[in-house]
Amino acid sequence: MITVAAVNHLRERLGYSSQGPGGFEKLKPNLSAYTHYFGNFGPGRPGGTSVKPFDDGTSAAAPIAADIAALLLSAFPQLTPAQIKSTILASADRLNMPGRNAETGFGIVSAAAAYNILK
């Protein structure tokens, strides 16, 4: 399990995104992922632009982290779930902070950095 907070393009945790400590997972979030992107919503997208112009929140950020895990597994099929998690956490962009913090976890997930650790 990886808990994910949402950050905007300025690399700031969004106020409505979860933060630690949590009831079930004391050290949440583990990391952060970007949100506020044109996925389902936006110009020419199925969700249109009438309700909101972009996908947002942890509901949009968590799939970004899951997608990176899937990409790593695709490139390195021998990886265990524990290895994927440790690589994703070790490769997160630390946001100029050492270690983990209760707002953004170990930092923002980075597909390129995770891949480079494994190659």
C-alpha atoms as a PDB file:
ATOM      1  CA  MET A   1       0.000   0.000   0.000  1.00  0.00           C
ATOM      2  CA  ILE A   2       1.163   3.511  -0.849  1.00  0.00           C
ATOM      3  CA  THR A   3      -0.744   6.548   0.387  1.00  0.00           C
ATOM      4  CA  VAL A   4      -0.717   9.515  -1.987  1.00  0.00           C
ATOM      5  CA  ALA A   5      -1.226  13.245  -1.463  1.00  0.00           C
ATOM      6  CA  ALA A   6      -2.062  15.642  -4.290  1.00  0.00           C
ATOM      7  CA  VAL A   7       0.226  18.510  -5.307  1.00  0.00           C
ATOM      8  CA  ASN A   8      -0.315  21.243  -7.878  1.00  0.00           C
ATOM      9  CA  HIS A   9       2.020  22.437 -10.624  1.00  0.00           C
ATOM     10  CA  LEU A  10       3.738  24.688  -8.071  1.00  0.00           C
ATOM     11  CA  ARG A  11       4.655  21.532  -6.121  1.00  0.00           C
ATOM     12  CA  GLU A  12       2.419  22.512  -3.187  1.00  0.00           C
ATOM     13  CA  ARG A  13       0.153  20.071  -1.346  1.00  0.00           C
ATOM     14  CA  LEU A  14      -3.449  20.936  -2.019  1.00  0.00           C
ATOM     15  CA  GLY A  15      -5.367  21.951   1.087  1.00  0.00           C
ATOM     16  CA  TYR A  16      -8.050  19.312   0.646  1.00  0.00           C
ATOM     17  CA  SER A  17      -5.526  16.507   0.115  1.00  0.00           C
ATOM     18  CA  SER A  18      -4.965  14.072   2.954  1.00  0.00           C
ATOM     19  CA  GLN A  19      -2.044  14.437   5.303  1.00  0.00           C
ATOM     20  CA  GLY A  20      -0.672  12.529   8.263  1.00  0.00           C
ATOM     21  CA  PRO A  21      -0.778  11.110  10.716  1.00  0.00           C
ATOM     22  CA  GLY A  22      -3.571   8.753   9.737  1.00  0.00           C
ATOM     23  CA  GLY A  23      -5.705   6.402  11.780  1.00  0.00           C
ATOM     24  CA  PHE A  24      -4.703   3.270   9.868  1.00  0.00           C
ATOM     25  CA  GLU A  25      -1.391   4.412   8.399  1.00  0.00           C
ATOM     26  CA  LYS A  26       0.487   6.685  10.811  1.00  0.00           C
ATOM     27  CA  LEU A  27       3.084   7.711   8.228  1.00  0.00           C
ATOM     28  CA  LYS A  28       0.725   8.944   5.555  1.00  0.00           C
ATOM     29  CA  PRO A  29       1.110  10.168   2.949  1.00  0.00           C
ATOM     30  CA  ASN A  30       3.977   8.091   1.603  1.00  0.00           C
ATOM     31  CA  LEU A  31       4.443  10.424  -1.341  1.00  0.00           C
ATOM     32  CA  SER A  32       2.734  12.958  -3.570  1.00  0.00           C
ATOM     33  CA  ALA A  33       1.652  13.052  -7.192  1.00  0.00           C
ATOM     34  CA  TYR A  34       0.520  15.816  -9.485  1.00  0.00           C
ATOM     35  CA  THR A  35      -3.110  16.660  -9.994  1.00  0.00           C
ATOM     36  CA  HIS A  36      -4.926  19.400 -11.942  1.00  0.00           C
ATOM     37  CA  TYR A  37      -4.275  17.922 -15.360  1.00  0.00           C
ATOM     38  CA  PHE A  38      -6.434  17.390 -18.429  1.00  0.00           C
ATOM     39  CA  GLY A  39      -7.380  13.717 -18.208  1.00  0.00           C
ATOM     40  CA  ASN A  40     -11.112  13.137 -18.407  1.00  0.00           C
ATOM     41  CA  PHE A  41     -11.956  16.833 -18.167  1.00  0.00           C
ATOM     42  CA  GLY A  42     -10.688  19.655 -20.345  1.00  0.00           C
ATOM     43  CA  PRO A  43     -10.865  20.821 -23.944  1.00  0.00           C
ATOM     44  CA  GLY A  44     -11.957  17.986 -26.232  1.00  0.00           C
ATOM     45  CA  ARG A  45     -12.106  15.429 -23.390  1.00  0.00           C
ATOM     46  CA  PRO A  46     -15.132  13.199 -22.560  1.00  0.00           C
ATOM     47  CA  GLY A  47     -15.901  15.079 -19.317  1.00  0.00           C
ATOM     48  CA  GLY A  48     -15.998  18.415 -21.135  1.00  0.00           C
ATOM     49  CA  THR A  49     -15.263  21.742 -19.490  1.00  0.00           C
ATOM     50  CA  SER A  50     -18.647  22.842 -18.162  1.00  0.00           C
ATOM     51  CA  VAL A  51     -18.284  21.450 -14.622  1.00  0.00           C
ATOM     52  CA  LYS A  52     -14.573  21.885 -14.026  1.00  0.00           C
ATOM     53  CA  PRO A  53     -11.659  22.409 -16.389  1.00  0.00           C
ATOM     54  CA  PHE A  54      -9.369  19.625 -15.095  1.00  0.00           C
ATOM     55  CA  ASP A  55      -9.079  16.414 -13.102  1.00  0.00           C
ATOM     56  CA  ASP A  56      -8.098  17.142  -9.517  1.00  0.00           C
ATOM     57  CA  GLY A  57      -7.596  15.834  -6.014  1.00  0.00           C
ATOM     58  CA  THR A  58      -6.181  12.606  -4.685  1.00  0.00           C
ATOM     59  CA  SER A  59      -8.623  10.787  -6.968  1.00  0.00           C
ATOM     60  CA  ALA A  60      -6.538  12.107  -9.860  1.00  0.00           C
ATOM     61  CA  ALA A  61      -3.129  11.953  -8.125  1.00  0.00           C
ATOM     62  CA  ALA A  62      -3.299   8.340  -6.894  1.00  0.00           C
ATOM     63  CA  PRO A  63      -3.635   6.882 -10.415  1.00  0.00           C
ATOM     64  CA  ILE A  64      -0.466   8.744 -11.430  1.00  0.00           C
ATOM     65  CA  ALA A  65       1.488   6.864  -8.748  1.00  0.00           C
ATOM     66  CA  ALA A  66      -0.210   3.586  -9.720  1.00  0.00           C
ATOM     67  CA  ASP A  67       0.624   4.186 -13.380  1.00  0.00           C
ATOM     68  CA  ILE A  68       4.292   4.648 -12.522  1.00  0.00           C
ATOM     69  CA  ALA A  69       4.256   1.378 -10.572  1.00  0.00           C
ATOM     70  CA  ALA A  70       2.714  -0.351 -13.599  1.00  0.00           C
ATOM     71  CA  LEU A  71       5.308   1.160 -15.942  1.00  0.00           C
ATOM     72  CA  LEU A  72       8.134  -0.045 -13.709  1.00  0.00           C
ATOM     73  CA  LEU A  73       6.651  -3.529 -13.579  1.00  0.00           C
ATOM     74  CA  SER A  74       6.319  -3.499 -17.343  1.00  0.00           C
ATOM     75  CA  ALA A  75       9.986  -2.581 -17.754  1.00  0.00           C
ATOM     76  CA  PHE A  76      11.201  -4.854 -14.936  1.00  0.00           C
ATOM     77  CA  PRO A  77       8.720  -7.760 -14.631  1.00  0.00           C
ATOM     78  CA  GLN A  78      10.763  -9.521 -11.930  1.00  0.00           C
ATOM     79  CA  LEU A  79      10.087  -6.767  -9.359  1.00  0.00           C
ATOM     80  CA  THR A  80       8.142  -7.606  -6.231  1.00  0.00           C
ATOM     81  CA  PRO A  81       5.530  -5.192  -4.833  1.00  0.00           C
ATOM     82  CA  ALA A  82       7.946  -4.338  -1.998  1.00  0.00           C
ATOM     83  CA  GLN A  83      10.717  -3.515  -4.483  1.00  0.00           C
ATOM     84  CA  ILE A  84       8.380  -1.305  -6.505  1.00  0.00           C
ATOM     85  CA  LYS A  85       7.301   0.576  -3.388  1.00  0.00           C
ATOM     86  CA  SER A  86      10.833   1.068  -2.092  1.00  0.00           C
ATOM     87  CA  THR A  87      12.026   2.272  -5.511  1.00  0.00           C
ATOM     88  CA  ILE A  88       9.158   4.730  -5.890  1.00  0.00           C
ATOM     89  CA  LEU A  89       9.761   6.122  -2.405  1.00  0.00           C
ATOM     90  CA  ALA A  90      13.548   6.301  -2.840  1.00  0.00           C
ATOM     91  CA  SER A  91      13.240   8.126  -6.163  1.00  0.00           C
ATOM     92  CA  ALA A  92      10.656  10.729  -5.142  1.00  0.00           C
ATOM     93  CA  ASP A  93      11.576  14.397  -5.649  1.00  0.00           C
ATOM     94  CA  ARG A  94      12.278  15.475  -2.056  1.00  0.00           C
ATOM     95  CA  LEU A  95      11.152  19.087  -2.553  1.00  0.00           C
ATOM     96  CA  ASN A  96      14.348  20.341  -0.891  1.00  0.00           C
ATOM     97  CA  MET A  97      13.421  18.617   2.375  1.00  0.00           C
ATOM     98  CA  PRO A  98      15.260  15.730   3.980  1.00  0.00           C
ATOM     99  CA  GLY A  99      13.270  12.594   4.750  1.00  0.00           C
ATOM    100  CA  ARG A 100       9.512  12.384   5.000  1.00  0.00           C
ATOM    101  CA  ASN A 101       7.015  15.003   6.108  1.00  0.00           C
ATOM    102  CA  ALA A 102       3.302  14.839   6.952  1.00  0.00           C
ATOM    103  CA  GLU A 103       2.221  16.983   3.990  1.00  0.00           C
ATOM    104  CA  THR A 104       3.985  15.498   0.958  1.00  0.00           C
ATOM    105  CA  GLY A 105       5.491  12.264   2.281  1.00  0.00           C
ATOM    106  CA  PHE A 106       8.885  11.477   0.745  1.00  0.00           C
ATOM    107  CA  GLY A 107       8.200  13.922  -2.101  1.00  0.00           C
ATOM    108  CA  ILE A 108       6.678  13.880  -5.577  1.00  0.00           C
ATOM    109  CA  VAL A 109       6.698  10.610  -7.477  1.00  0.00           C
ATOM    110  CA  SER A 110       9.110  10.583 -10.434  1.00  0.00           C
ATOM    111  CA  ALA A 111       8.879   7.927 -13.144  1.00  0.00           C
ATOM    112  CA  ALA A 112      12.230   8.856 -14.686  1.00  0.00           C
ATOM    113  CA  ALA A 113      14.103   8.776 -11.383  1.00  0.00           C
ATOM    114  CA  ALA A 114      12.529   5.422 -10.428  1.00  0.00           C
ATOM    115  CA  TYR A 115      13.421   3.935 -13.804  1.00  0.00           C
ATOM    116  CA  ASN A 116      16.989   5.202 -13.552  1.00  0.00           C
ATOM    117  CA  ILE A 117      17.452   3.557 -10.155  1.00  0.00           C
ATOM    118  CA  LEU A 118      16.436   0.206 -11.611  1.00  0.00           C
ATOM    119  CA  LYS A 119      18.220   0.236 -14.963  1.00  0.00           C
END
